[in-house]
Amino acid sequence: MNKLKEFREKKGLSQRDVAKTMNLSQAQYWRLEKDLSLLNTNQIFQLCKLFDCTPNELLDFKTHYKVIMSDVLDEPIKK
């Protein structure tokens, strides 16, 4: 549920561009973008600097919180 692709596209960057900036292969970055791999703290800060955003915006904590709370309260998610 991260917003890597959204932020990357807003900056007009390719996956390869971002991967190179992060010293990763394009395949490794693709896995991060698809939520198949987890970001470490250093990667989060690199991406926030690159995309000019906060960790909360990048990782979409607001949506995560809503999902967790809907499970806890056993209520449907309200948008």
PDB file of N, CA and C in Angstrom:
ATOM      1  N   MET A   1       0.816  -1.194   0.000  1.00  0.00           N
ATOM      2  CA  MET A   1       0.000   0.000   0.000  1.00  0.00           C
ATOM      3  C   MET A   1       0.862   1.261   0.000  1.00  0.00           C
ATOM      4  N   ASN A   2       2.040   1.158  -0.542  1.00  0.00           N
ATOM      5  CA  ASN A   2       2.867   2.364  -0.613  1.00  0.00           C
ATOM      6  C   ASN A   2       2.527   3.150  -1.873  1.00  0.00           C
ATOM      7  N   LYS A   3       3.061   4.333  -1.963  1.00  0.00           N
ATOM      8  CA  LYS A   3       2.760   5.221  -3.087  1.00  0.00           C
ATOM      9  C   LYS A   3       3.993   5.483  -3.942  1.00  0.00           C
ATOM     10  N   LEU A   4       4.910   4.538  -3.976  1.00  0.00           N
ATOM     11  CA  LEU A   4       6.147   4.730  -4.721  1.00  0.00           C
ATOM     12  C   LEU A   4       5.888   5.048  -6.195  1.00  0.00           C
ATOM     13  N   LYS A   5       5.039   4.272  -6.816  1.00  0.00           N
ATOM     14  CA  LYS A   5       4.779   4.479  -8.242  1.00  0.00           C
ATOM     15  C   LYS A   5       4.177   5.864  -8.494  1.00  0.00           C
ATOM     16  N   GLU A   6       3.220   6.232  -7.656  1.00  0.00           N
ATOM     17  CA  GLU A   6       2.557   7.533  -7.808  1.00  0.00           C
ATOM     18  C   GLU A   6       3.575   8.678  -7.702  1.00  0.00           C
ATOM     19  N   PHE A   7       4.422   8.645  -6.682  1.00  0.00           N
ATOM     20  CA  PHE A   7       5.424   9.696  -6.513  1.00  0.00           C
ATOM     21  C   PHE A   7       6.457   9.676  -7.634  1.00  0.00           C
ATOM     22  N   ARG A   8       6.870   8.478  -8.046  1.00  0.00           N
ATOM     23  CA  ARG A   8       7.862   8.348  -9.121  1.00  0.00           C
ATOM     24  C   ARG A   8       7.323   8.954 -10.413  1.00  0.00           C
ATOM     25  N   GLU A   9       6.086   8.631 -10.741  1.00  0.00           N
ATOM     26  CA  GLU A   9       5.496   9.149 -11.979  1.00  0.00           C
ATOM     27  C   GLU A   9       5.297  10.663 -11.922  1.00  0.00           C
ATOM     28  N   LYS A  10       4.959  11.198 -10.749  1.00  0.00           N
ATOM     29  CA  LYS A  10       4.823  12.661 -10.609  1.00  0.00           C
ATOM     30  C   LYS A  10       6.140  13.373 -10.904  1.00  0.00           C
ATOM     31  N   LYS A  11       7.243  12.724 -10.562  1.00  0.00           N
ATOM     32  CA  LYS A  11       8.572  13.302 -10.816  1.00  0.00           C
ATOM     33  C   LYS A  11       9.064  13.018 -12.237  1.00  0.00           C
ATOM     34  N   GLY A  12       8.313  12.214 -12.984  1.00  0.00           N
ATOM     35  CA  GLY A  12       8.703  11.890 -14.349  1.00  0.00           C
ATOM     36  C   GLY A  12       9.906  10.959 -14.419  1.00  0.00           C
ATOM     37  N   LEU A  13      10.044  10.096 -13.427  1.00  0.00           N
ATOM     38  CA  LEU A  13      11.192   9.188 -13.375  1.00  0.00           C
ATOM     39  C   LEU A  13      10.785   7.763 -13.732  1.00  0.00           C
ATOM     40  N   SER A  14      11.728   7.033 -14.274  1.00  0.00           N
ATOM     41  CA  SER A  14      11.506   5.615 -14.539  1.00  0.00           C
ATOM     42  C   SER A  14      11.928   4.810 -13.311  1.00  0.00           C
ATOM     43  N   GLN A  15      11.537   3.556 -13.266  1.00  0.00           N
ATOM     44  CA  GLN A  15      11.993   2.680 -12.192  1.00  0.00           C
ATOM     45  C   GLN A  15      13.518   2.605 -12.202  1.00  0.00           C
ATOM     46  N   ARG A  16      14.089   2.540 -13.377  1.00  0.00           N
ATOM     47  CA  ARG A  16      15.550   2.464 -13.502  1.00  0.00           C
ATOM     48  C   ARG A  16      16.223   3.713 -12.921  1.00  0.00           C
ATOM     49  N   ASP A  17      15.630   4.895 -13.169  1.00  0.00           N
ATOM     50  CA  ASP A  17      16.172   6.146 -12.631  1.00  0.00           C
ATOM     51  C   ASP A  17      16.217   6.116 -11.100  1.00  0.00           C
ATOM     52  N   VAL A  18      15.092   5.713 -10.494  1.00  0.00           N
ATOM     53  CA  VAL A  18      15.012   5.682  -9.033  1.00  0.00           C
ATOM     54  C   VAL A  18      15.951   4.613  -8.482  1.00  0.00           C
ATOM     55  N   ALA A  19      15.968   3.462  -9.109  1.00  0.00           N
ATOM     56  CA  ALA A  19      16.842   2.372  -8.657  1.00  0.00           C
ATOM     57  C   ALA A  19      18.302   2.809  -8.666  1.00  0.00           C
ATOM     58  N   LYS A  20      18.714   3.503  -9.716  1.00  0.00           N
ATOM     59  CA  LYS A  20      20.096   3.967  -9.818  1.00  0.00           C
ATOM     60  C   LYS A  20      20.423   4.944  -8.690  1.00  0.00           C
ATOM     61  N   THR A  21      19.500   5.854  -8.398  1.00  0.00           N
ATOM     62  CA  THR A  21      19.684   6.817  -7.315  1.00  0.00           C
ATOM     63  C   THR A  21      19.843   6.105  -5.969  1.00  0.00           C
ATOM     64  N   MET A  22      19.131   4.990  -5.806  1.00  0.00           N
ATOM     65  CA  MET A  22      19.150   4.249  -4.549  1.00  0.00           C
ATOM     66  C   MET A  22      20.222   3.166  -4.509  1.00  0.00           C
ATOM     67  N   ASN A  23      20.986   3.043  -5.607  1.00  0.00           N
ATOM     68  CA  ASN A  23      22.003   2.003  -5.714  1.00  0.00           C
ATOM     69  C   ASN A  23      21.389   0.600  -5.639  1.00  0.00           C
ATOM     70  N   LEU A  24      20.277   0.423  -6.350  1.00  0.00           N
ATOM     71  CA  LEU A  24      19.577  -0.858  -6.433  1.00  0.00           C
ATOM     72  C   LEU A  24      19.460  -1.255  -7.899  1.00  0.00           C
ATOM     73  N   SER A  25      19.162  -2.521  -8.137  1.00  0.00           N
ATOM     74  CA  SER A  25      18.833  -2.922  -9.496  1.00  0.00           C
ATOM     75  C   SER A  25      17.388  -2.495  -9.773  1.00  0.00           C
ATOM     76  N   GLN A  26      17.024  -2.417 -11.030  1.00  0.00           N
ATOM     77  CA  GLN A  26      15.650  -2.068 -11.391  1.00  0.00           C
ATOM     78  C   GLN A  26      14.697  -3.127 -10.838  1.00  0.00           C
ATOM     79  N   ALA A  27      15.114  -4.392 -10.847  1.00  0.00           N
ATOM     80  CA  ALA A  27      14.275  -5.481 -10.326  1.00  0.00           C
ATOM     81  C   ALA A  27      14.041  -5.332  -8.820  1.00  0.00           C
ATOM     82  N   GLN A  28      15.076  -4.929  -8.094  1.00  0.00           N
ATOM     83  CA  GLN A  28      14.922  -4.714  -6.650  1.00  0.00           C
ATOM     84  C   GLN A  28      13.947  -3.570  -6.377  1.00  0.00           C
ATOM     85  N   TYR A  29      14.066  -2.493  -7.163  1.00  0.00           N
ATOM     86  CA  TYR A  29      13.139  -1.376  -6.976  1.00  0.00           C
ATOM     87  C   TYR A  29      11.716  -1.787  -7.339  1.00  0.00           C
ATOM     88  N   TRP A  30      11.556  -2.549  -8.402  1.00  0.00           N
ATOM     89  CA  TRP A  30      10.231  -3.022  -8.819  1.00  0.00           C
ATOM     90  C   TRP A  30       9.567  -3.775  -7.665  1.00  0.00           C
ATOM     91  N   ARG A  31      10.326  -4.614  -6.976  1.00  0.00           N
ATOM     92  CA  ARG A  31       9.785  -5.368  -5.844  1.00  0.00           C
ATOM     93  C   ARG A  31       9.316  -4.427  -4.725  1.00  0.00           C
ATOM     94  N   LEU A  32      10.052  -3.356  -4.494  1.00  0.00           N
ATOM     95  CA  LEU A  32       9.636  -2.378  -3.488  1.00  0.00           C
ATOM     96  C   LEU A  32       8.333  -1.701  -3.906  1.00  0.00           C
ATOM     97  N   GLU A  33       8.264  -1.343  -5.175  1.00  0.00           N
ATOM     98  CA  GLU A  33       7.087  -0.642  -5.685  1.00  0.00           C
ATOM     99  C   GLU A  33       5.844  -1.529  -5.648  1.00  0.00           C
ATOM    100  N   LYS A  34       6.031  -2.821  -5.797  1.00  0.00           N
ATOM    101  CA  LYS A  34       4.914  -3.774  -5.795  1.00  0.00           C
ATOM    102  C   LYS A  34       4.603  -4.324  -4.405  1.00  0.00           C
ATOM    103  N   ASP A  35       5.269  -3.800  -3.379  1.00  0.00           N
ATOM    104  CA  ASP A  35       5.105  -4.276  -2.000  1.00  0.00           C
ATOM    105  C   ASP A  35       5.480  -5.745  -1.829  1.00  0.00           C
ATOM    106  N   LEU A  36       6.424  -6.206  -2.630  1.00  0.00           N
ATOM    107  CA  LEU A  36       6.926  -7.577  -2.510  1.00  0.00           C
ATOM    108  C   LEU A  36       8.188  -7.627  -1.668  1.00  0.00           C
ATOM    109  N   SER A  37       8.701  -6.464  -1.349  1.00  0.00           N
ATOM    110  CA  SER A  37       9.885  -6.317  -0.513  1.00  0.00           C
ATOM    111  C   SER A  37       9.669  -5.098   0.374  1.00  0.00           C
ATOM    112  N   LEU A  38      10.276  -5.123   1.556  1.00  0.00           N
ATOM    113  CA  LEU A  38      10.083  -4.028   2.498  1.00  0.00           C
ATOM    114  C   LEU A  38      11.187  -2.986   2.375  1.00  0.00           C
ATOM    115  N   LEU A  39      10.806  -1.743   2.548  1.00  0.00           N
ATOM    116  CA  LEU A  39      11.768  -0.643   2.579  1.00  0.00           C
ATOM    117  C   LEU A  39      12.466  -0.618   3.930  1.00  0.00           C
ATOM    118  N   ASN A  40      13.768  -0.353   3.924  1.00  0.00           N
ATOM    119  CA  ASN A  40      14.440  -0.133   5.197  1.00  0.00           C
ATOM    120  C   ASN A  40      14.433   1.370   5.481  1.00  0.00           C
ATOM    121  N   THR A  41      14.864   1.750   6.661  1.00  0.00           N
ATOM    122  CA  THR A  41      14.820   3.148   7.077  1.00  0.00           C
ATOM    123  C   THR A  41      15.605   4.051   6.141  1.00  0.00           C
ATOM    124  N   ASN A  42      16.787   3.625   5.761  1.00  0.00           N
ATOM    125  CA  ASN A  42      17.621   4.423   4.869  1.00  0.00           C
ATOM    126  C   ASN A  42      16.922   4.640   3.517  1.00  0.00           C
ATOM    127  N   GLN A  43      16.301   3.608   2.992  1.00  0.00           N
ATOM    128  CA  GLN A  43      15.597   3.716   1.712  1.00  0.00           C
ATOM    129  C   GLN A  43      14.407   4.668   1.817  1.00  0.00           C
ATOM    130  N   ILE A  44      13.708   4.625   2.935  1.00  0.00           N
ATOM    131  CA  ILE A  44      12.576   5.536   3.136  1.00  0.00           C
ATOM    132  C   ILE A  44      13.058   6.984   3.081  1.00  0.00           C
ATOM    133  N   PHE A  45      14.154   7.270   3.788  1.00  0.00           N
ATOM    134  CA  PHE A  45      14.671   8.638   3.789  1.00  0.00           C
ATOM    135  C   PHE A  45      15.199   9.056   2.416  1.00  0.00           C
ATOM    136  N   GLN A  46      15.841   8.135   1.705  1.00  0.00           N
ATOM    137  CA  GLN A  46      16.310   8.444   0.346  1.00  0.00           C
ATOM    138  C   GLN A  46      15.133   8.813  -0.551  1.00  0.00           C
ATOM    139  N   LEU A  47      14.081   8.014  -0.488  1.00  0.00           N
ATOM    140  CA  LEU A  47      12.920   8.250  -1.340  1.00  0.00           C
ATOM    141  C   LEU A  47      12.192   9.534  -0.968  1.00  0.00           C
ATOM    142  N   CYS A  48      12.083   9.819   0.323  1.00  0.00           N
ATOM    143  CA  CYS A  48      11.427  11.059   0.754  1.00  0.00           C
ATOM    144  C   CYS A  48      12.200  12.275   0.241  1.00  0.00           C
ATOM    145  N   LYS A  49      13.512  12.189   0.283  1.00  0.00           N
ATOM    146  CA  LYS A  49      14.331  13.286  -0.226  1.00  0.00           C
ATOM    147  C   LYS A  49      14.143  13.429  -1.742  1.00  0.00           C
ATOM    148  N   LEU A  50      14.171  12.299  -2.450  1.00  0.00           N
ATOM    149  CA  LEU A  50      14.015  12.307  -3.899  1.00  0.00           C
ATOM    150  C   LEU A  50      12.634  12.826  -4.322  1.00  0.00           C
ATOM    151  N   PHE A  51      11.596  12.370  -3.641  1.00  0.00           N
ATOM    152  CA  PHE A  51      10.228  12.717  -4.014  1.00  0.00           C
ATOM    153  C   PHE A  51       9.697  13.946  -3.285  1.00  0.00           C
ATOM    154  N   ASP A  52      10.504  14.515  -2.389  1.00  0.00           N
ATOM    155  CA  ASP A  52      10.109  15.695  -1.629  1.00  0.00           C
ATOM    156  C   ASP A  52       8.782  15.460  -0.899  1.00  0.00           C
ATOM    157  N   CYS A  53       8.770  14.429  -0.061  1.00  0.00           N
ATOM    158  CA  CYS A  53       7.567  14.075   0.692  1.00  0.00           C
ATOM    159  C   CYS A  53       7.961  13.594   2.082  1.00  0.00           C
ATOM    160  N   THR A  54       6.978  13.351   2.919  1.00  0.00           N
ATOM    161  CA  THR A  54       7.227  12.820   4.252  1.00  0.00           C
ATOM    162  C   THR A  54       7.076  11.295   4.226  1.00  0.00           C
ATOM    163  N   PRO A  55       7.628  10.607   5.228  1.00  0.00           N
ATOM    164  CA  PRO A  55       7.414   9.155   5.310  1.00  0.00           C
ATOM    165  C   PRO A  55       5.930   8.800   5.399  1.00  0.00           C
ATOM    166  N   ASN A  56       5.159   9.604   6.111  1.00  0.00           N
ATOM    167  CA  ASN A  56       3.720   9.337   6.203  1.00  0.00           C
ATOM    168  C   ASN A  56       3.056   9.378   4.834  1.00  0.00           C
ATOM    169  N   GLU A  57       3.435  10.355   4.023  1.00  0.00           N
ATOM    170  CA  GLU A  57       2.860  10.462   2.676  1.00  0.00           C
ATOM    171  C   GLU A  57       3.324   9.303   1.802  1.00  0.00           C
ATOM    172  N   LEU A  58       4.605   8.998   1.861  1.00  0.00           N
ATOM    173  CA  LEU A  58       5.173   7.947   1.021  1.00  0.00           C
ATOM    174  C   LEU A  58       4.562   6.581   1.322  1.00  0.00           C
ATOM    175  N   LEU A  59       4.424   6.270   2.593  1.00  0.00           N
ATOM    176  CA  LEU A  59       3.958   4.944   3.002  1.00  0.00           C
ATOM    177  C   LEU A  59       2.457   4.882   3.218  1.00  0.00           C
ATOM    178  N   ASP A  60       1.782   5.994   3.033  1.00  0.00           N
ATOM    179  CA  ASP A  60       0.315   6.068   3.108  1.00  0.00           C
ATOM    180  C   ASP A  60      -0.212   5.523   4.435  1.00  0.00           C
ATOM    181  N   PHE A  61       0.363   6.026   5.535  1.00  0.00           N
ATOM    182  CA  PHE A  61      -0.025   5.552   6.857  1.00  0.00           C
ATOM    183  C   PHE A  61      -1.496   5.792   7.156  1.00  0.00           C
ATOM    184  N   LYS A  62      -2.070   6.851   6.593  1.00  0.00           N
ATOM    185  CA  LYS A  62      -3.482   7.145   6.844  1.00  0.00           C
ATOM    186  C   LYS A  62      -4.362   5.982   6.377  1.00  0.00           C
ATOM    187  N   THR A  63      -4.080   5.456   5.188  1.00  0.00           N
ATOM    188  CA  THR A  63      -4.849   4.326   4.674  1.00  0.00           C
ATOM    189  C   THR A  63      -4.607   3.084   5.518  1.00  0.00           C
ATOM    190  N   HIS A  64      -3.343   2.829   5.890  1.00  0.00           N
ATOM    191  CA  HIS A  64      -3.026   1.677   6.739  1.00  0.00           C
ATOM    192  C   HIS A  64      -3.805   1.763   8.049  1.00  0.00           C
ATOM    193  N   TYR A  65      -3.836   2.936   8.647  1.00  0.00           N
ATOM    194  CA  TYR A  65      -4.535   3.125   9.907  1.00  0.00           C
ATOM    195  C   TYR A  65      -6.024   2.822   9.752  1.00  0.00           C
ATOM    196  N   LYS A  66      -6.630   3.306   8.687  1.00  0.00           N
ATOM    197  CA  LYS A  66      -8.055   3.058   8.460  1.00  0.00           C
ATOM    198  C   LYS A  66      -8.338   1.563   8.333  1.00  0.00           C
ATOM    199  N   VAL A  67      -7.489   0.846   7.614  1.00  0.00           N
ATOM    200  CA  VAL A  67      -7.676  -0.595   7.424  1.00  0.00           C
ATOM    201  C   VAL A  67      -7.551  -1.317   8.761  1.00  0.00           C
ATOM    202  N   ILE A  68      -6.526  -0.978   9.517  1.00  0.00           N
ATOM    203  CA  ILE A  68      -6.316  -1.621  10.819  1.00  0.00           C
ATOM    204  C   ILE A  68      -7.488  -1.348  11.751  1.00  0.00           C
ATOM    205  N   MET A  69      -7.912  -0.097  11.809  1.00  0.00           N
ATOM    206  CA  MET A  69      -9.011   0.255  12.702  1.00  0.00           C
ATOM    207  C   MET A  69     -10.327  -0.383  12.266  1.00  0.00           C
ATOM    208  N   SER A  70     -10.541  -0.527  10.970  1.00  0.00           N
ATOM    209  CA  SER A  70     -11.778  -1.169  10.523  1.00  0.00           C
ATOM    210  C   SER A  70     -11.779  -2.639  10.930  1.00  0.00           C
ATOM    211  N   ASP A  71     -10.596  -3.272  10.935  1.00  0.00           N
ATOM    212  CA  ASP A  71     -10.497  -4.661  11.391  1.00  0.00           C
ATOM    213  C   ASP A  71     -10.750  -4.752  12.893  1.00  0.00           C
ATOM    214  N   VAL A  72     -10.185  -3.814  13.636  1.00  0.00           N
ATOM    215  CA  VAL A  72     -10.335  -3.805  15.090  1.00  0.00           C
ATOM    216  C   VAL A  72     -11.793  -3.559  15.473  1.00  0.00           C
ATOM    217  N   LEU A  73     -12.408  -2.615  14.806  1.00  0.00           N
ATOM    218  CA  LEU A  73     -13.782  -2.247  15.123  1.00  0.00           C
ATOM    219  C   LEU A  73     -14.808  -3.086  14.370  1.00  0.00           C
ATOM    220  N   ASP A  74     -14.309  -3.923  13.458  1.00  0.00           N
ATOM    221  CA  ASP A  74     -15.178  -4.766  12.641  1.00  0.00           C
ATOM    222  C   ASP A  74     -16.229  -3.947  11.902  1.00  0.00           C
ATOM    223  N   GLU A  75     -15.743  -2.836  11.311  1.00  0.00           N
ATOM    224  CA  GLU A  75     -16.606  -1.951  10.532  1.00  0.00           C
ATOM    225  C   GLU A  75     -16.021  -1.792   9.144  1.00  0.00           C
ATOM    226  N   PRO A  76     -16.854  -1.546   8.142  1.00  0.00           N
ATOM    227  CA  PRO A  76     -16.311  -1.300   6.803  1.00  0.00           C
ATOM    228  C   PRO A  76     -15.535   0.006   6.753  1.00  0.00           C
ATOM    229  N   ILE A  77     -14.601   0.085   5.834  1.00  0.00           N
ATOM    230  CA  ILE A  77     -13.791   1.290   5.664  1.00  0.00           C
ATOM    231  C   ILE A  77     -14.616   2.377   5.023  1.00  0.00           C
ATOM    232  N   LYS A  78     -14.569   3.579   5.614  1.00  0.00           N
ATOM    233  CA  LYS A  78     -15.251   4.730   5.049  1.00  0.00           C
ATOM    234  C   LYS A  78     -14.208   5.603   4.394  1.00  0.00           C
ATOM    235  N   LYS A  79     -14.454   5.996   3.168  1.00  0.00           N
ATOM    236  CA  LYS A  79     -13.499   6.836   2.442  1.00  0.00           C
ATOM    237  C   LYS A  79     -13.788   8.291   2.627  1.00  0.00           C
TER     238      LYS A  79
END
